[in-house]
Amino acid sequence: MREFSVPAVQVACRAVNSYPAVFSANTPALIEIEQAYGYDCLQAYLEGWLVNLREFVNVGKKMTDAQTFETAMIILQDYKFLTIADINLLFKRAKSGYYGNLYDRLDGQIILGWFRRYFSERCGAAEEESINEASRYKSDPYDRTCERLSEREHEFKRWRMKHFTDGRR
């Protein structure tokens, strides 16, 4: 299990405003939080985000504590692989209206819909980043480690043959 400090994670999350920033933030996944602090702590952490959201939005029909607990539980069942940076970005976006306006209602279905959309967009962004990285390696063969090793090995073999051939004469 990797080590992480809560203040360092908080600082890293402040700069997260896009999927590439999420990927490079190096924050722990929810499963890592569970392993380090236990399920109850993780559940409480997520409920804290949901309560904060409940208080942030001004809608007539807000979630109850029981709905908040169950929504957090479902999120943890389905999205434990997301990182703290993911959670921060998702809730920042929700608060800013990225997922649409809330019309007098905030409940688990709406929030779980945000998670589905976020995950779909995140997968698309990861795929695009992976394709771009592969393209960079394909365009410059000297960036590829195996290519560089093969070239060095070939140079060494040529040197060795020349050295041993010249040494025998």
C-alpha atoms as a PDB file:
ATOM      1  CA  MET A   1       0.000   0.000   0.000  1.00  0.00           C
ATOM      2  CA  ARG A   2       1.399   3.391  -0.913  1.00  0.00           C
ATOM      3  CA  GLU A   3       1.778   6.152   1.628  1.00  0.00           C
ATOM      4  CA  PHE A   4      -0.026   9.477   1.291  1.00  0.00           C
ATOM      5  CA  SER A   5      -0.625  12.430   3.557  1.00  0.00           C
ATOM      6  CA  VAL A   6      -3.983  14.115   3.824  1.00  0.00           C
ATOM      7  CA  PRO A   7      -2.598  17.688   3.463  1.00  0.00           C
ATOM      8  CA  ALA A   8      -0.597  16.727   0.365  1.00  0.00           C
ATOM      9  CA  VAL A   9      -3.686  15.179  -1.210  1.00  0.00           C
ATOM     10  CA  GLN A  10      -5.720  18.312  -0.461  1.00  0.00           C
ATOM     11  CA  VAL A  11      -3.090  20.523  -2.073  1.00  0.00           C
ATOM     12  CA  ALA A  12      -2.916  18.259  -5.135  1.00  0.00           C
ATOM     13  CA  CYS A  13      -6.695  18.388  -5.542  1.00  0.00           C
ATOM     14  CA  ARG A  14      -6.830  22.190  -5.632  1.00  0.00           C
ATOM     15  CA  ALA A  15      -5.207  22.240  -9.072  1.00  0.00           C
ATOM     16  CA  VAL A  16      -7.444  19.539 -10.528  1.00  0.00           C
ATOM     17  CA  ASN A  17      -9.775  20.991 -13.164  1.00  0.00           C
ATOM     18  CA  SER A  18      -9.574  18.492 -16.034  1.00  0.00           C
ATOM     19  CA  TYR A  19      -9.100  14.810 -16.730  1.00  0.00           C
ATOM     20  CA  PRO A  20      -5.388  15.162 -17.574  1.00  0.00           C
ATOM     21  CA  ALA A  21      -4.971  16.918 -14.211  1.00  0.00           C
ATOM     22  CA  VAL A  22      -6.768  14.016 -12.528  1.00  0.00           C
ATOM     23  CA  PHE A  23      -4.445  11.519 -14.208  1.00  0.00           C
ATOM     24  CA  SER A  24      -1.319  13.381 -13.114  1.00  0.00           C
ATOM     25  CA  ALA A  25      -2.508  14.319  -9.596  1.00  0.00           C
ATOM     26  CA  ASN A  26      -1.221  11.073  -8.058  1.00  0.00           C
ATOM     27  CA  THR A  27      -3.941  10.983  -5.412  1.00  0.00           C
ATOM     28  CA  PRO A  28      -5.073   7.749  -3.788  1.00  0.00           C
ATOM     29  CA  ALA A  29      -8.008   5.740  -5.071  1.00  0.00           C
ATOM     30  CA  LEU A  30     -11.011   5.285  -2.811  1.00  0.00           C
ATOM     31  CA  ILE A  31     -10.004   1.643  -2.304  1.00  0.00           C
ATOM     32  CA  GLU A  32      -6.634   2.828  -0.971  1.00  0.00           C
ATOM     33  CA  ILE A  33      -8.400   5.117   1.497  1.00  0.00           C
ATOM     34  CA  GLU A  34     -10.460   2.139   2.641  1.00  0.00           C
ATOM     35  CA  GLN A  35      -7.338   0.011   3.091  1.00  0.00           C
ATOM     36  CA  ALA A  36      -5.592   2.738   5.076  1.00  0.00           C
ATOM     37  CA  TYR A  37      -8.483   4.012   7.216  1.00  0.00           C
ATOM     38  CA  GLY A  38     -11.303   1.456   6.913  1.00  0.00           C
ATOM     39  CA  TYR A  39     -14.662   1.376   5.186  1.00  0.00           C
ATOM     40  CA  ASP A  40     -16.465   3.511   7.784  1.00  0.00           C
ATOM     41  CA  CYS A  41     -14.003   6.360   7.291  1.00  0.00           C
ATOM     42  CA  LEU A  42     -14.375   6.147   3.523  1.00  0.00           C
ATOM     43  CA  GLN A  43     -18.183   6.096   3.804  1.00  0.00           C
ATOM     44  CA  ALA A  44     -18.050   9.156   6.084  1.00  0.00           C
ATOM     45  CA  TYR A  45     -15.685  10.935   3.669  1.00  0.00           C
ATOM     46  CA  LEU A  46     -18.078  10.466   0.782  1.00  0.00           C
ATOM     47  CA  GLU A  47     -21.100  11.379   2.886  1.00  0.00           C
ATOM     48  CA  GLY A  48     -19.258  14.590   3.801  1.00  0.00           C
ATOM     49  CA  TRP A  49     -19.061  15.477   0.108  1.00  0.00           C
ATOM     50  CA  LEU A  50     -22.756  14.727  -0.340  1.00  0.00           C
ATOM     51  CA  VAL A  51     -23.769  16.788   2.708  1.00  0.00           C
ATOM     52  CA  ASN A  52     -21.590  19.643   1.458  1.00  0.00           C
ATOM     53  CA  LEU A  53     -23.362  19.444  -1.903  1.00  0.00           C
ATOM     54  CA  ARG A  54     -26.776  19.313  -0.212  1.00  0.00           C
ATOM     55  CA  GLU A  55     -25.951  22.517   1.626  1.00  0.00           C
ATOM     56  CA  PHE A  56     -24.441  24.184  -1.442  1.00  0.00           C
ATOM     57  CA  VAL A  57     -27.460  23.869  -3.733  1.00  0.00           C
ATOM     58  CA  ASN A  58     -30.673  25.734  -3.151  1.00  0.00           C
ATOM     59  CA  VAL A  59     -33.400  23.263  -3.989  1.00  0.00           C
ATOM     60  CA  GLY A  60     -36.709  22.551  -2.285  1.00  0.00           C
ATOM     61  CA  LYS A  61     -36.356  18.781  -2.171  1.00  0.00           C
ATOM     62  CA  LYS A  62     -33.038  17.910  -0.591  1.00  0.00           C
ATOM     63  CA  MET A  63     -31.730  14.495   0.302  1.00  0.00           C
ATOM     64  CA  THR A  64     -32.329  13.077   3.749  1.00  0.00           C
ATOM     65  CA  ASP A  65     -29.529  11.616   5.861  1.00  0.00           C
ATOM     66  CA  ALA A  66     -30.718   8.106   4.980  1.00  0.00           C
ATOM     67  CA  GLN A  67     -30.651   8.924   1.245  1.00  0.00           C
ATOM     68  CA  THR A  68     -27.203  10.438   1.632  1.00  0.00           C
ATOM     69  CA  PHE A  69     -25.937   7.297   3.396  1.00  0.00           C
ATOM     70  CA  GLU A  70     -27.368   4.995   0.740  1.00  0.00           C
ATOM     71  CA  THR A  71     -26.094   7.121  -2.149  1.00  0.00           C
ATOM     72  CA  ALA A  72     -22.567   7.044  -0.679  1.00  0.00           C
ATOM     73  CA  MET A  73     -22.855   3.291  -0.235  1.00  0.00           C
ATOM     74  CA  ILE A  74     -23.873   2.775  -3.882  1.00  0.00           C
ATOM     75  CA  ILE A  75     -21.066   5.049  -5.094  1.00  0.00           C
ATOM     76  CA  LEU A  76     -18.574   2.997  -3.089  1.00  0.00           C
ATOM     77  CA  GLN A  77     -19.925  -0.241  -4.507  1.00  0.00           C
ATOM     78  CA  ASP A  78     -19.615   0.940  -8.098  1.00  0.00           C
ATOM     79  CA  TYR A  79     -16.790   3.506  -8.176  1.00  0.00           C
ATOM     80  CA  LYS A  80     -14.171   2.539  -5.573  1.00  0.00           C
ATOM     81  CA  PHE A  81     -11.472   2.681  -8.247  1.00  0.00           C
ATOM     82  CA  LEU A  82     -11.887   6.451  -8.683  1.00  0.00           C
ATOM     83  CA  THR A  83      -9.325   8.673  -6.990  1.00  0.00           C
ATOM     84  CA  ILE A  84      -9.740  11.536  -4.562  1.00  0.00           C
ATOM     85  CA  ALA A  85      -8.921  13.864  -7.478  1.00  0.00           C
ATOM     86  CA  ASP A  86     -11.818  12.326  -9.427  1.00  0.00           C
ATOM     87  CA  ILE A  87     -14.221  12.925  -6.541  1.00  0.00           C
ATOM     88  CA  ASN A  88     -13.022  16.519  -6.194  1.00  0.00           C
ATOM     89  CA  LEU A  89     -13.445  17.224  -9.903  1.00  0.00           C
ATOM     90  CA  LEU A  90     -16.851  15.574 -10.088  1.00  0.00           C
ATOM     91  CA  PHE A  91     -18.259  17.573  -7.167  1.00  0.00           C
ATOM     92  CA  LYS A  92     -16.649  20.823  -8.404  1.00  0.00           C
ATOM     93  CA  ARG A  93     -18.367  20.284 -11.722  1.00  0.00           C
ATOM     94  CA  ALA A  94     -21.673  19.418 -10.091  1.00  0.00           C
ATOM     95  CA  LYS A  95     -21.584  22.617  -8.048  1.00  0.00           C
ATOM     96  CA  SER A  96     -20.792  24.704 -11.117  1.00  0.00           C
ATOM     97  CA  GLY A  97     -23.728  23.271 -13.084  1.00  0.00           C
ATOM     98  CA  TYR A  98     -21.606  21.234 -15.499  1.00  0.00           C
ATOM     99  CA  TYR A  99     -24.057  18.335 -15.306  1.00  0.00           C
ATOM    100  CA  GLY A 100     -27.069  20.576 -15.770  1.00  0.00           C
ATOM    101  CA  ASN A 101     -29.317  22.643 -13.589  1.00  0.00           C
ATOM    102  CA  LEU A 102     -31.082  21.200 -10.573  1.00  0.00           C
ATOM    103  CA  TYR A 103     -34.754  21.950 -10.715  1.00  0.00           C
ATOM    104  CA  ASP A 104     -36.004  21.814  -7.149  1.00  0.00           C
ATOM    105  CA  ARG A 105     -34.637  18.300  -6.539  1.00  0.00           C
ATOM    106  CA  LEU A 106     -31.389  16.666  -5.436  1.00  0.00           C
ATOM    107  CA  ASP A 107     -31.362  12.934  -4.837  1.00  0.00           C
ATOM    108  CA  GLY A 108     -29.333   9.781  -5.290  1.00  0.00           C
ATOM    109  CA  GLN A 109     -30.503   9.137  -8.844  1.00  0.00           C
ATOM    110  CA  ILE A 110     -29.278  12.529  -9.986  1.00  0.00           C
ATOM    111  CA  ILE A 111     -25.906  12.103  -8.269  1.00  0.00           C
ATOM    112  CA  LEU A 112     -25.445   8.539  -9.561  1.00  0.00           C
ATOM    113  CA  GLY A 113     -26.241   9.846 -13.051  1.00  0.00           C
ATOM    114  CA  TRP A 114     -23.413  12.357 -12.626  1.00  0.00           C
ATOM    115  CA  PHE A 115     -21.073   9.527 -11.656  1.00  0.00           C
ATOM    116  CA  ARG A 116     -22.057   7.503 -14.741  1.00  0.00           C
ATOM    117  CA  ARG A 117     -21.481  10.514 -16.996  1.00  0.00           C
ATOM    118  CA  TYR A 118     -18.206  11.392 -15.277  1.00  0.00           C
ATOM    119  CA  PHE A 119     -16.930   7.831 -15.609  1.00  0.00           C
ATOM    120  CA  SER A 120     -17.865   7.687 -19.292  1.00  0.00           C
ATOM    121  CA  GLU A 121     -16.106  10.993 -20.014  1.00  0.00           C
ATOM    122  CA  ARG A 122     -13.103   9.933 -17.934  1.00  0.00           C
ATOM    123  CA  CYS A 123     -12.745   6.692 -19.894  1.00  0.00           C
ATOM    124  CA  GLY A 124     -12.894   8.640 -23.156  1.00  0.00           C
ATOM    125  CA  ALA A 125     -10.237  11.063 -21.941  1.00  0.00           C
ATOM    126  CA  ALA A 126      -7.991   8.201 -20.780  1.00  0.00           C
ATOM    127  CA  GLU A 127      -8.384   6.480 -24.139  1.00  0.00           C
ATOM    128  CA  GLU A 128      -7.504   9.678 -25.986  1.00  0.00           C
ATOM    129  CA  GLU A 129      -4.463  10.270 -23.782  1.00  0.00           C
ATOM    130  CA  SER A 130      -3.301   6.689 -24.346  1.00  0.00           C
ATOM    131  CA  ILE A 131      -3.663   7.042 -28.125  1.00  0.00           C
ATOM    132  CA  ASN A 132      -1.760  10.338 -28.087  1.00  0.00           C
ATOM    133  CA  GLU A 133       1.038   8.821 -26.029  1.00  0.00           C
ATOM    134  CA  ALA A 134       1.285   5.850 -28.399  1.00  0.00           C
ATOM    135  CA  SER A 135       1.442   8.251 -31.354  1.00  0.00           C
ATOM    136  CA  ARG A 136       4.321  10.135 -29.755  1.00  0.00           C
ATOM    137  CA  TYR A 137       6.273   6.905 -29.367  1.00  0.00           C
ATOM    138  CA  LYS A 138       5.524   5.808 -32.912  1.00  0.00           C
ATOM    139  CA  SER A 139       6.616   9.141 -34.389  1.00  0.00           C
ATOM    140  CA  ASP A 140      10.016   9.119 -32.674  1.00  0.00           C
ATOM    141  CA  PRO A 141      11.542   5.641 -32.442  1.00  0.00           C
ATOM    142  CA  TYR A 142      14.447   6.923 -30.368  1.00  0.00           C
ATOM    143  CA  ASP A 143      12.047   7.637 -27.512  1.00  0.00           C
ATOM    144  CA  ARG A 144      11.297   3.968 -27.291  1.00  0.00           C
ATOM    145  CA  THR A 145      13.555   2.251 -24.826  1.00  0.00           C
ATOM    146  CA  CYS A 146      13.685  -1.033 -26.711  1.00  0.00           C
ATOM    147  CA  GLU A 147      14.741   0.796 -29.875  1.00  0.00           C
ATOM    148  CA  ARG A 148      17.551   2.564 -28.038  1.00  0.00           C
ATOM    149  CA  LEU A 149      18.725  -0.669 -26.446  1.00  0.00           C
ATOM    150  CA  SER A 150      18.714  -2.475 -29.783  1.00  0.00           C
ATOM    151  CA  GLU A 151      20.730   0.321 -31.361  1.00  0.00           C
ATOM    152  CA  ARG A 152      23.280   0.319 -28.531  1.00  0.00           C
ATOM    153  CA  GLU A 153      23.526  -3.460 -28.636  1.00  0.00           C
ATOM    154  CA  HIS A 154      24.141  -3.330 -32.390  1.00  0.00           C
ATOM    155  CA  GLU A 155      26.862  -0.689 -31.936  1.00  0.00           C
ATOM    156  CA  PHE A 156      28.488  -2.791 -29.226  1.00  0.00           C
ATOM    157  CA  LYS A 157      28.491  -5.899 -31.434  1.00  0.00           C
ATOM    158  CA  ARG A 158      30.102  -3.933 -34.271  1.00  0.00           C
ATOM    159  CA  TRP A 159      32.740  -2.558 -31.891  1.00  0.00           C
ATOM    160  CA  ARG A 160      33.421  -6.003 -30.431  1.00  0.00           C
ATOM    161  CA  MET A 161      33.791  -7.608 -33.867  1.00  0.00           C
ATOM    162  CA  LYS A 162      36.107  -4.839 -34.992  1.00  0.00           C
ATOM    163  CA  HIS A 163      38.118  -4.991 -31.775  1.00  0.00           C
ATOM    164  CA  PHE A 164      38.557  -8.761 -31.816  1.00  0.00           C
ATOM    165  CA  THR A 165      39.191  -8.865 -35.575  1.00  0.00           C
ATOM    166  CA  ASP A 166      41.812  -6.090 -35.340  1.00  0.00           C
ATOM    167  CA  GLY A 167      43.372  -7.699 -32.265  1.00  0.00           C
ATOM    168  CA  ARG A 168      44.013 -11.022 -33.995  1.00  0.00           C
ATOM    169  CA  ARG A 169      46.112  -9.519 -36.778  1.00  0.00           C
END
